[in-house]
C-alpha atoms as a PDB file:
ATOM      1  CA  GLU A   1     118.715  34.376-194.689  1.00  0.00           C
ATOM      2  CA  ILE A   2     116.235  37.922-195.062  1.00  0.00           C
ATOM      3  CA  GLU A   3     118.761  40.488-192.958  1.00  0.00           C
ATOM      4  CA  ASP A   4     121.680  39.489-195.617  1.00  0.00           C
ATOM      5  CA  TYR A   5     119.795  40.186-198.932  1.00  0.00           C
ATOM      6  CA  LEU A   6     118.521  43.605-197.377  1.00  0.00           C
ATOM      7  CA  GLN A   7     122.749  44.146-196.349  1.00  0.00           C
ATOM      8  CA  ALA A   8     123.713  43.605-200.182  1.00  0.00           C
ATOM      9  CA  ALA A   9     120.019  45.195-201.633  1.00  0.00           C
ATOM     10  CA  SER A  10     120.961  48.431-199.622  1.00  0.00           C
ATOM     11  CA  SER A  11     124.640  48.124-200.688  1.00  0.00           C
ATOM     12  CA  GLU A  12     124.463  48.061-204.156  1.00  0.00           C
ATOM     13  CA  SER A  13     124.968  51.178-205.984  1.00  0.00           C
ATOM     14  CA  PHE A  14     123.443  53.217-208.767  1.00  0.00           C
ATOM     15  CA  ASN A  15     124.858  53.109-211.968  1.00  0.00           C
ATOM     16  CA  LEU A  16     124.127  57.182-213.408  1.00  0.00           C
ATOM     17  CA  GLU A  17     124.414  55.605-217.094  1.00  0.00           C
ATOM     18  CA  GLN A  18     122.040  52.923-216.845  1.00  0.00           C
ATOM     19  CA  SER A  19     118.359  52.452-216.119  1.00  0.00           C
ATOM     20  CA  PRO A  20     117.031  51.116-213.276  1.00  0.00           C
ATOM     21  CA  LEU A  21     117.688  53.715-211.008  1.00  0.00           C
ATOM     22  CA  ILE A  22     114.876  52.564-209.007  1.00  0.00           C
ATOM     23  CA  ARG A  23     114.654  49.149-206.656  1.00  0.00           C
ATOM     24  CA  ILE A  24     111.883  47.065-205.777  1.00  0.00           C
ATOM     25  CA  SER A  25     111.457  43.094-204.905  1.00  0.00           C
ATOM     26  CA  LEU A  26     108.879  41.121-202.600  1.00  0.00           C
ATOM     27  CA  LEU A  27     110.548  38.386-200.406  1.00  0.00           C
ATOM     28  CA  ASN A  28     107.911  35.931-199.493  1.00  0.00           C
ATOM     29  CA  ILE A  29     108.416  35.514-195.691  1.00  0.00           C
ATOM     30  CA  SER A  30     105.665  33.349-194.948  1.00  0.00           C
ATOM     31  CA  ASP A  31     102.502  31.768-196.917  1.00  0.00           C
ATOM     32  CA  ASN A  32     101.245  34.863-194.840  1.00  0.00           C
ATOM     33  CA  GLU A  33     103.565  37.313-195.039  1.00  0.00           C
ATOM     34  CA  ASN A  34     105.409  39.585-197.382  1.00  0.00           C
ATOM     35  CA  LEU A  35     108.620  41.745-197.544  1.00  0.00           C
ATOM     36  CA  PHE A  36     108.010  44.775-199.624  1.00  0.00           C
ATOM     37  CA  PHE A  37     111.646  46.619-200.661  1.00  0.00           C
ATOM     38  CA  LEU A  38     111.852  49.743-202.327  1.00  0.00           C
ATOM     39  CA  SER A  39     115.931  51.410-202.900  1.00  0.00           C
ATOM     40  CA  MET A  40     115.635  54.712-205.131  1.00  0.00           C
ATOM     41  CA  HIS A  41     119.081  56.075-206.499  1.00  0.00           C
ATOM     42  CA  HIS A  42     118.646  59.878-204.924  1.00  0.00           C
ATOM     43  CA  ILE A  43     118.693  61.800-207.811  1.00  0.00           C
ATOM     44  CA  ILE A  44     115.735  60.856-209.148  1.00  0.00           C
ATOM     45  CA  GLY A  45     113.172  61.142-205.331  1.00  0.00           C
ATOM     46  CA  ASP A  46     113.211  64.113-203.146  1.00  0.00           C
ATOM     47  CA  GLY A  47     110.984  63.815-199.981  1.00  0.00           C
ATOM     48  CA  TRP A  48     107.563  64.947-201.371  1.00  0.00           C
ATOM     49  CA  SER A  49     107.767  62.585-204.520  1.00  0.00           C
ATOM     50  CA  THR A  50     109.049  59.776-202.483  1.00  0.00           C
ATOM     51  CA  GLU A  51     106.283  60.112-200.002  1.00  0.00           C
ATOM     52  CA  LEU A  52     103.680  60.011-202.830  1.00  0.00           C
ATOM     53  CA  LEU A  53     105.201  57.344-204.083  1.00  0.00           C
ATOM     54  CA  VAL A  54     104.991  55.294-201.253  1.00  0.00           C
ATOM     55  CA  SER A  55     101.180  56.466-200.287  1.00  0.00           C
ATOM     56  CA  GLU A  56     100.068  55.152-203.574  1.00  0.00           C
ATOM     57  CA  ILE A  57     102.251  51.482-203.642  1.00  0.00           C
ATOM     58  CA  VAL A  58      99.654  51.210-200.003  1.00  0.00           C
ATOM     59  CA  ASP A  59      97.171  52.775-201.523  1.00  0.00           C
ATOM     60  CA  ASN A  60      97.405  49.840-204.020  1.00  0.00           C
ATOM     61  CA  TYR A  61      98.001  47.881-201.611  1.00  0.00           C
ATOM     62  CA  ASN A  62      95.596  47.887-199.952  1.00  0.00           C
ATOM     63  CA  LYS A  63      93.284  48.011-202.760  1.00  0.00           C
ATOM     64  CA  LEU A  64      95.355  44.319-203.766  1.00  0.00           C
ATOM     65  CA  LEU A  65      93.914  43.177-200.523  1.00  0.00           C
ATOM     66  CA  LYS A  66      90.039  44.470-200.685  1.00  0.00           C
ATOM     67  CA  ASP A  67      90.209  42.700-204.389  1.00  0.00           C
ATOM     68  CA  GLU A  68      91.343  39.497-202.638  1.00  0.00           C
ATOM     69  CA  ASP A  69      88.949  39.473-199.835  1.00  0.00           C
ATOM     70  CA  SER A  70      85.914  40.306-201.984  1.00  0.00           C
ATOM     71  CA  LYS A  71      86.949  37.871-204.308  1.00  0.00           C
ATOM     72  CA  ASP A  72      86.925  40.789-207.397  1.00  0.00           C
ATOM     73  CA  ASN A  73      89.757  39.865-209.308  1.00  0.00           C
ATOM     74  CA  GLU A  74      89.933  43.108-211.259  1.00  0.00           C
ATOM     75  CA  MET A  75      91.090  45.733-210.152  1.00  0.00           C
ATOM     76  CA  GLN A  76      89.658  49.107-211.270  1.00  0.00           C
ATOM     77  CA  GLU A  77      91.585  51.206-213.947  1.00  0.00           C
ATOM     78  CA  GLU A  78      92.663  54.444-212.639  1.00  0.00           C
ATOM     79  CA  ALA A  79      91.970  57.076-214.803  1.00  0.00           C
ATOM     80  CA  PRO A  80      94.666  58.928-216.132  1.00  0.00           C
ATOM     81  CA  LEU A  81      95.755  62.377-214.312  1.00  0.00           C
ATOM     82  CA  SER A  82      94.971  65.694-216.648  1.00  0.00           C
ATOM     83  CA  ILE A  83      98.326  66.965-216.223  1.00  0.00           C
ATOM     84  CA  GLN A  84     101.851  65.295-215.946  1.00  0.00           C
ATOM     85  CA  TYR A  85     105.617  65.685-215.634  1.00  0.00           C
ATOM     86  CA  LYS A  86     105.876  66.738-219.348  1.00  0.00           C
ATOM     87  CA  ASP A  87     103.099  69.078-219.147  1.00  0.00           C
ATOM     88  CA  TYR A  88     105.169  71.244-215.903  1.00  0.00           C
ATOM     89  CA  THR A  89     108.306  71.179-217.547  1.00  0.00           C
ATOM     90  CA  ILE A  90     106.933  72.769-220.436  1.00  0.00           C
ATOM     91  CA  TRP A  91     105.043  75.559-218.345  1.00  0.00           C
ATOM     92  CA  ARG A  92     108.898  75.959-216.492  1.00  0.00           C
END
């Protein structure tokens, strides 16, 4: 069933005229096991940005696990970045 879902989700095409161009699923396998699925159109990410996105997802997941272990349900909000992509485009 999971393999069928992943195959169908991987085969689903993106429409460049409509969002989203990224899809994320979290599949519950069992009480203690989940499967994270990320699919995105290649036009919105390259190797560097995809690596950064996956790294941030893993970091946030690990923080959530740590918070769950410590029974602290409030995640610390991260400070906004000092520079945004729009700043880069203006500079460019």
